Amino acid sequence: MNPAEVAVLAALHPDNTLTAAQIQLSSTLTGWRIRNALAQLESRGLIIPSHPRGRWRITDRGRIAFTTKGSRFG
């Protein structure tokens, strides 16, 4: 997991449902890095799209990954 992915998980943890723009504001990463991290996290089942369209939320698997691996990025 890279720092951008950890930043996305941190923004969504514990149970936030946010748009990519909201995640970008909370993480200070570029839009490209956020979109790339969202795609990678979704492909691994750590986040899922939510309704209304364009919003994301963390899965139980994502919470576990953030708790165990996120601490490496402080």
PDB file of N, CA and C in Angstrom:
ATOM      1  N   MET A   1       0.846  -1.167   0.000  1.00  0.00           N
ATOM      2  CA  MET A   1       0.000   0.000   0.000  1.00  0.00           C
ATOM      3  C   MET A   1       0.895   1.235   0.000  1.00  0.00           C
ATOM      4  N   ASN A   2       0.575   2.185  -0.871  1.00  0.00           N
ATOM      5  CA  ASN A   2       1.397   3.397  -0.949  1.00  0.00           C
ATOM      6  C   ASN A   2       0.760   4.534  -0.140  1.00  0.00           C
ATOM      7  N   PRO A   3       1.501   5.631   0.069  1.00  0.00           N
ATOM      8  CA  PRO A   3       0.978   6.721   0.906  1.00  0.00           C
ATOM      9  C   PRO A   3      -0.330   7.328   0.396  1.00  0.00           C
ATOM     10  N   ALA A   4      -0.528   7.404  -0.912  1.00  0.00           N
ATOM     11  CA  ALA A   4      -1.781   7.952  -1.447  1.00  0.00           C
ATOM     12  C   ALA A   4      -2.957   7.054  -1.084  1.00  0.00           C
ATOM     13  N   GLU A   5      -2.768   5.748  -1.172  1.00  0.00           N
ATOM     14  CA  GLU A   5      -3.827   4.815  -0.812  1.00  0.00           C
ATOM     15  C   GLU A   5      -4.149   4.909   0.673  1.00  0.00           C
ATOM     16  N   VAL A   6      -3.130   5.049   1.493  1.00  0.00           N
ATOM     17  CA  VAL A   6      -3.348   5.207   2.941  1.00  0.00           C
ATOM     18  C   VAL A   6      -4.105   6.500   3.209  1.00  0.00           C
ATOM     19  N   ALA A   7      -3.778   7.565   2.491  1.00  0.00           N
ATOM     20  CA  ALA A   7      -4.474   8.845   2.674  1.00  0.00           C
ATOM     21  C   ALA A   7      -5.955   8.719   2.323  1.00  0.00           C
ATOM     22  N   VAL A   8      -6.261   7.980   1.266  1.00  0.00           N
ATOM     23  CA  VAL A   8      -7.659   7.763   0.887  1.00  0.00           C
ATOM     24  C   VAL A   8      -8.372   6.958   1.967  1.00  0.00           C
ATOM     25  N   LEU A   9      -7.765   5.887   2.428  1.00  0.00           N
ATOM     26  CA  LEU A   9      -8.384   5.086   3.477  1.00  0.00           C
ATOM     27  C   LEU A   9      -8.565   5.899   4.760  1.00  0.00           C
ATOM     28  N   ALA A  10      -7.607   6.739   5.070  1.00  0.00           N
ATOM     29  CA  ALA A  10      -7.714   7.573   6.272  1.00  0.00           C
ATOM     30  C   ALA A  10      -8.883   8.545   6.154  1.00  0.00           C
ATOM     31  N   ALA A  11      -9.089   9.092   4.967  1.00  0.00           N
ATOM     32  CA  ALA A  11     -10.198  10.023   4.761  1.00  0.00           C
ATOM     33  C   ALA A  11     -11.545   9.314   4.890  1.00  0.00           C
ATOM     34  N   LEU A  12     -11.604   8.064   4.476  1.00  0.00           N
ATOM     35  CA  LEU A  12     -12.853   7.311   4.508  1.00  0.00           C
ATOM     36  C   LEU A  12     -13.093   6.589   5.833  1.00  0.00           C
ATOM     37  N   HIS A  13     -12.054   6.451   6.644  1.00  0.00           N
ATOM     38  CA  HIS A  13     -12.133   5.719   7.920  1.00  0.00           C
ATOM     39  C   HIS A  13     -12.757   6.593   8.978  1.00  0.00           C
ATOM     40  N   PRO A  14     -13.611   6.189   9.864  1.00  0.00           N
ATOM     41  CA  PRO A  14     -14.104   4.839  10.023  1.00  0.00           C
ATOM     42  C   PRO A  14     -15.303   4.540   9.135  1.00  0.00           C
ATOM     43  N   ASP A  15     -16.144   5.551   8.826  1.00  0.00           N
ATOM     44  CA  ASP A  15     -17.331   5.232   8.022  1.00  0.00           C
ATOM     45  C   ASP A  15     -17.813   6.445   7.232  1.00  0.00           C
ATOM     46  N   ASN A  16     -16.884   7.205   6.656  1.00  0.00           N
ATOM     47  CA  ASN A  16     -17.255   8.348   5.839  1.00  0.00           C
ATOM     48  C   ASN A  16     -17.597   7.895   4.426  1.00  0.00           C
ATOM     49  N   THR A  17     -18.498   8.614   3.785  1.00  0.00           N
ATOM     50  CA  THR A  17     -18.826   8.406   2.381  1.00  0.00           C
ATOM     51  C   THR A  17     -18.535   9.731   1.693  1.00  0.00           C
ATOM     52  N   LEU A  18     -17.473   9.764   0.876  1.00  0.00           N
ATOM     53  CA  LEU A  18     -16.977  11.012   0.302  1.00  0.00           C
ATOM     54  C   LEU A  18     -16.793  10.907  -1.204  1.00  0.00           C
ATOM     55  N   THR A  19     -16.801  12.075  -1.866  1.00  0.00           N
ATOM     56  CA  THR A  19     -16.469  12.136  -3.280  1.00  0.00           C
ATOM     57  C   THR A  19     -14.956  12.215  -3.425  1.00  0.00           C
ATOM     58  N   ALA A  20     -14.475  12.026  -4.633  1.00  0.00           N
ATOM     59  CA  ALA A  20     -13.034  12.150  -4.885  1.00  0.00           C
ATOM     60  C   ALA A  20     -12.552  13.559  -4.540  1.00  0.00           C
ATOM     61  N   ALA A  21     -13.366  14.564  -4.843  1.00  0.00           N
ATOM     62  CA  ALA A  21     -12.973  15.949  -4.537  1.00  0.00           C
ATOM     63  C   ALA A  21     -12.856  16.172  -3.027  1.00  0.00           C
ATOM     64  N   GLN A  22     -13.767  15.603  -2.258  1.00  0.00           N
ATOM     65  CA  GLN A  22     -13.699  15.728  -0.802  1.00  0.00           C
ATOM     66  C   GLN A  22     -12.479  15.010  -0.241  1.00  0.00           C
ATOM     67  N   ILE A  23     -12.173  13.850  -0.794  1.00  0.00           N
ATOM     68  CA  ILE A  23     -10.978  13.119  -0.358  1.00  0.00           C
ATOM     69  C   ILE A  23      -9.733  13.923  -0.695  1.00  0.00           C
ATOM     70  N   GLN A  24      -9.711  14.525  -1.877  1.00  0.00           N
ATOM     71  CA  GLN A  24      -8.564  15.327  -2.298  1.00  0.00           C
ATOM     72  C   GLN A  24      -8.344  16.495  -1.342  1.00  0.00           C
ATOM     73  N   LEU A  25      -9.415  17.162  -0.940  1.00  0.00           N
ATOM     74  CA  LEU A  25      -9.287  18.287  -0.004  1.00  0.00           C
ATOM     75  C   LEU A  25      -8.732  17.854   1.345  1.00  0.00           C
ATOM     76  N   SER A  26      -9.169  16.703   1.823  1.00  0.00           N
ATOM     77  CA  SER A  26      -8.708  16.267   3.142  1.00  0.00           C
ATOM     78  C   SER A  26      -7.291  15.703   3.116  1.00  0.00           C
ATOM     79  N   SER A  27      -6.831  15.277   1.940  1.00  0.00           N
ATOM     80  CA  SER A  27      -5.517  14.637   1.874  1.00  0.00           C
ATOM     81  C   SER A  27      -4.432  15.507   1.252  1.00  0.00           C
ATOM     82  N   THR A  28      -4.789  16.582   0.606  1.00  0.00           N
ATOM     83  CA  THR A  28      -3.874  17.493  -0.101  1.00  0.00           C
ATOM     84  C   THR A  28      -3.081  16.801  -1.216  1.00  0.00           C
ATOM     85  N   LEU A  29      -3.613  15.734  -1.778  1.00  0.00           N
ATOM     86  CA  LEU A  29      -2.979  15.068  -2.921  1.00  0.00           C
ATOM     87  C   LEU A  29      -3.599  15.591  -4.210  1.00  0.00           C
ATOM     88  N   THR A  30      -2.925  15.353  -5.322  1.00  0.00           N
ATOM     89  CA  THR A  30      -3.460  15.785  -6.613  1.00  0.00           C
ATOM     90  C   THR A  30      -4.641  14.910  -7.020  1.00  0.00           C
ATOM     91  N   GLY A  31      -5.455  15.442  -7.899  1.00  0.00           N
ATOM     92  CA  GLY A  31      -6.602  14.692  -8.399  1.00  0.00           C
ATOM     93  C   GLY A  31      -6.194  13.389  -9.060  1.00  0.00           C
ATOM     94  N   TRP A  32      -5.091  13.427  -9.814  1.00  0.00           N
ATOM     95  CA  TRP A  32      -4.621  12.223 -10.491  1.00  0.00           C
ATOM     96  C   TRP A  32      -4.247  11.151  -9.482  1.00  0.00           C
ATOM     97  N   ARG A  33      -3.537  11.521  -8.426  1.00  0.00           N
ATOM     98  CA  ARG A  33      -3.121  10.532  -7.416  1.00  0.00           C
ATOM     99  C   ARG A  33      -4.319   9.966  -6.675  1.00  0.00           C
ATOM    100  N   ILE A  34      -5.323  10.802  -6.415  1.00  0.00           N
ATOM    101  CA  ILE A  34      -6.531  10.330  -5.752  1.00  0.00           C
ATOM    102  C   ILE A  34      -7.262   9.334  -6.639  1.00  0.00           C
ATOM    103  N   ARG A  35      -7.470   9.672  -7.908  1.00  0.00           N
ATOM    104  CA  ARG A  35      -8.181   8.775  -8.824  1.00  0.00           C
ATOM    105  C   ARG A  35      -7.442   7.452  -8.981  1.00  0.00           C
ATOM    106  N   ASN A  36      -6.129   7.512  -9.082  1.00  0.00           N
ATOM    107  CA  ASN A  36      -5.327   6.296  -9.196  1.00  0.00           C
ATOM    108  C   ASN A  36      -5.458   5.446  -7.921  1.00  0.00           C
ATOM    109  N   ALA A  37      -5.378   6.082  -6.769  1.00  0.00           N
ATOM    110  CA  ALA A  37      -5.513   5.352  -5.506  1.00  0.00           C
ATOM    111  C   ALA A  37      -6.910   4.745  -5.375  1.00  0.00           C
ATOM    112  N   LEU A  38      -7.943   5.490  -5.777  1.00  0.00           N
ATOM    113  CA  LEU A  38      -9.304   4.964  -5.725  1.00  0.00           C
ATOM    114  C   LEU A  38      -9.430   3.710  -6.583  1.00  0.00           C
ATOM    115  N   ALA A  39      -8.880   3.765  -7.791  1.00  0.00           N
ATOM    116  CA  ALA A  39      -8.954   2.605  -8.696  1.00  0.00           C
ATOM    117  C   ALA A  39      -8.229   1.401  -8.117  1.00  0.00           C
ATOM    118  N   GLN A  40      -7.059   1.620  -7.546  1.00  0.00           N
ATOM    119  CA  GLN A  40      -6.289   0.516  -6.971  1.00  0.00           C
ATOM    120  C   GLN A  40      -6.996  -0.083  -5.758  1.00  0.00           C
ATOM    121  N   LEU A  41      -7.509   0.775  -4.898  1.00  0.00           N
ATOM    122  CA  LEU A  41      -8.190   0.294  -3.697  1.00  0.00           C
ATOM    123  C   LEU A  41      -9.477  -0.457  -4.050  1.00  0.00           C
ATOM    124  N   GLU A  42     -10.206   0.049  -5.038  1.00  0.00           N
ATOM    125  CA  GLU A  42     -11.432  -0.639  -5.456  1.00  0.00           C
ATOM    126  C   GLU A  42     -11.109  -2.012  -6.046  1.00  0.00           C
ATOM    127  N   SER A  43     -10.038  -2.086  -6.833  1.00  0.00           N
ATOM    128  CA  SER A  43      -9.684  -3.366  -7.457  1.00  0.00           C
ATOM    129  C   SER A  43      -9.311  -4.420  -6.417  1.00  0.00           C
ATOM    130  N   ARG A  44      -8.845  -3.987  -5.253  1.00  0.00           N
ATOM    131  CA  ARG A  44      -8.483  -4.919  -4.183  1.00  0.00           C
ATOM    132  C   ARG A  44      -9.604  -5.119  -3.160  1.00  0.00           C
ATOM    133  N   GLY A  45     -10.740  -4.491  -3.398  1.00  0.00           N
ATOM    134  CA  GLY A  45     -11.884  -4.671  -2.510  1.00  0.00           C
ATOM    135  C   GLY A  45     -11.791  -3.918  -1.197  1.00  0.00           C
ATOM    136  N   LEU A  46     -10.961  -2.882  -1.150  1.00  0.00           N
ATOM    137  CA  LEU A  46     -10.795  -2.128   0.093  1.00  0.00           C
ATOM    138  C   LEU A  46     -11.772  -0.959   0.201  1.00  0.00           C
ATOM    139  N   ILE A  47     -12.295  -0.506  -0.942  1.00  0.00           N
ATOM    140  CA  ILE A  47     -13.335   0.511  -0.973  1.00  0.00           C
ATOM    141  C   ILE A  47     -14.370   0.095  -2.014  1.00  0.00           C
ATOM    142  N   ILE A  48     -15.555   0.668  -1.897  1.00  0.00           N
ATOM    143  CA  ILE A  48     -16.602   0.396  -2.880  1.00  0.00           C
ATOM    144  C   ILE A  48     -17.315   1.696  -3.221  1.00  0.00           C
ATOM    145  N   PRO A  49     -17.833   1.786  -4.450  1.00  0.00           N
ATOM    146  CA  PRO A  49     -18.638   2.967  -4.795  1.00  0.00           C
ATOM    147  C   PRO A  49     -19.932   2.942  -3.995  1.00  0.00           C
ATOM    148  N   SER A  50     -20.442   4.100  -3.712  1.00  0.00           N
ATOM    149  CA  SER A  50     -21.635   4.216  -2.906  1.00  0.00           C
ATOM    150  C   SER A  50     -22.642   5.105  -3.619  1.00  0.00           C
ATOM    151  N   HIS A  51     -23.868   5.069  -3.141  1.00  0.00           N
ATOM    152  CA  HIS A  51     -24.904   5.947  -3.687  1.00  0.00           C
ATOM    153  C   HIS A  51     -25.067   7.109  -2.748  1.00  0.00           C
ATOM    154  N   PRO A  52     -25.230   8.337  -3.202  1.00  0.00           N
ATOM    155  CA  PRO A  52     -25.372   8.717  -4.589  1.00  0.00           C
ATOM    156  C   PRO A  52     -24.074   8.522  -5.361  1.00  0.00           C
ATOM    157  N   ARG A  53     -24.223   8.433  -6.652  1.00  0.00           N
ATOM    158  CA  ARG A  53     -23.107   8.153  -7.542  1.00  0.00           C
ATOM    159  C   ARG A  53     -21.935   9.116  -7.314  1.00  0.00           C
ATOM    160  N   GLY A  54     -20.736   8.564  -7.464  1.00  0.00           N
ATOM    161  CA  GLY A  54     -19.534   9.388  -7.318  1.00  0.00           C
ATOM    162  C   GLY A  54     -18.991   9.453  -5.910  1.00  0.00           C
ATOM    163  N   ARG A  55     -19.554   8.712  -5.022  1.00  0.00           N
ATOM    164  CA  ARG A  55     -19.072   8.679  -3.638  1.00  0.00           C
ATOM    165  C   ARG A  55     -18.457   7.321  -3.351  1.00  0.00           C
ATOM    166  N   TRP A  56     -17.568   7.301  -2.379  1.00  0.00           N
ATOM    167  CA  TRP A  56     -16.832   6.089  -2.019  1.00  0.00           C
ATOM    168  C   TRP A  56     -16.949   5.847  -0.536  1.00  0.00           C
ATOM    169  N   ARG A  57     -16.893   4.570  -0.166  1.00  0.00           N
ATOM    170  CA  ARG A  57     -16.836   4.229   1.259  1.00  0.00           C
ATOM    171  C   ARG A  57     -15.901   3.041   1.446  1.00  0.00           C
ATOM    172  N   ILE A  58     -15.390   2.948   2.650  1.00  0.00           N
ATOM    173  CA  ILE A  58     -14.424   1.911   2.984  1.00  0.00           C
ATOM    174  C   ILE A  58     -15.170   0.621   3.330  1.00  0.00           C
ATOM    175  N   THR A  59     -14.575  -0.510   2.991  1.00  0.00           N
ATOM    176  CA  THR A  59     -15.154  -1.818   3.334  1.00  0.00           C
ATOM    177  C   THR A  59     -14.551  -2.302   4.648  1.00  0.00           C
ATOM    178  N   ASP A  60     -15.114  -3.376   5.174  1.00  0.00           N
ATOM    179  CA  ASP A  60     -14.531  -3.976   6.388  1.00  0.00           C
ATOM    180  C   ASP A  60     -13.084  -4.386   6.126  1.00  0.00           C
ATOM    181  N   ARG A  61     -12.852  -4.947   4.962  1.00  0.00           N
ATOM    182  CA  ARG A  61     -11.486  -5.341   4.575  1.00  0.00           C
ATOM    183  C   ARG A  61     -10.561  -4.117   4.518  1.00  0.00           C
ATOM    184  N   GLY A  62     -11.086  -2.999   4.031  1.00  0.00           N
ATOM    185  CA  GLY A  62     -10.309  -1.761   3.981  1.00  0.00           C
ATOM    186  C   GLY A  62      -9.975  -1.233   5.362  1.00  0.00           C
ATOM    187  N   ARG A  63     -10.928  -1.355   6.292  1.00  0.00           N
ATOM    188  CA  ARG A  63     -10.669  -0.919   7.675  1.00  0.00           C
ATOM    189  C   ARG A  63      -9.544  -1.744   8.304  1.00  0.00           C
ATOM    190  N   ILE A  64      -9.580  -3.043   8.048  1.00  0.00           N
ATOM    191  CA  ILE A  64      -8.527  -3.921   8.592  1.00  0.00           C
ATOM    192  C   ILE A  64      -7.179  -3.566   7.985  1.00  0.00           C
ATOM    193  N   ALA A  65      -7.150  -3.363   6.665  1.00  0.00           N
ATOM    194  CA  ALA A  65      -5.894  -3.005   5.998  1.00  0.00           C
ATOM    195  C   ALA A  65      -5.364  -1.671   6.512  1.00  0.00           C
ATOM    196  N   PHE A  66      -6.253  -0.697   6.702  1.00  0.00           N
ATOM    197  CA  PHE A  66      -5.826   0.607   7.202  1.00  0.00           C
ATOM    198  C   PHE A  66      -5.284   0.488   8.616  1.00  0.00           C
ATOM    199  N   THR A  67      -5.940  -0.285   9.445  1.00  0.00           N
ATOM    200  CA  THR A  67      -5.504  -0.456  10.826  1.00  0.00           C
ATOM    201  C   THR A  67      -4.151  -1.139  10.908  1.00  0.00           C
ATOM    202  N   THR A  68      -3.935  -2.158  10.091  1.00  0.00           N
ATOM    203  CA  THR A  68      -2.682  -2.906  10.175  1.00  0.00           C
ATOM    204  C   THR A  68      -1.546  -2.278   9.382  1.00  0.00           C
ATOM    205  N   LYS A  69      -1.837  -1.773   8.175  1.00  0.00           N
ATOM    206  CA  LYS A  69      -0.782  -1.253   7.327  1.00  0.00           C
ATOM    207  C   LYS A  69      -0.641   0.262   7.355  1.00  0.00           C
ATOM    208  N   GLY A  70      -1.710   0.941   7.704  1.00  0.00           N
ATOM    209  CA  GLY A  70      -1.684   2.398   7.721  1.00  0.00           C
ATOM    210  C   GLY A  70      -0.728   2.981   8.737  1.00  0.00           C
ATOM    211  N   SER A  71      -0.488   2.242   9.805  1.00  0.00           N
ATOM    212  CA  SER A  71       0.411   2.744  10.849  1.00  0.00           C
ATOM    213  C   SER A  71       1.843   2.899  10.361  1.00  0.00           C
ATOM    214  N   ARG A  72       2.200   2.197   9.307  1.00  0.00           N
ATOM    215  CA  ARG A  72       3.559   2.319   8.739  1.00  0.00           C
ATOM    216  C   ARG A  72       3.807   3.706   8.164  1.00  0.00           C
ATOM    217  N   PHE A  73       2.708   4.417   7.824  1.00  0.00           N
ATOM    218  CA  PHE A  73       2.844   5.720   7.193  1.00  0.00           C
ATOM    219  C   PHE A  73       2.570   6.859   8.170  1.00  0.00           C
ATOM    220  N   GLY A  74       2.346   6.499   9.423  1.00  0.00           N
ATOM    221  CA  GLY A  74       2.213   7.433  10.506  1.00  0.00           C
ATOM    222  C   GLY A  74       1.177   8.441  10.384  1.00  0.00           C
TER     223      GLY A  74
END
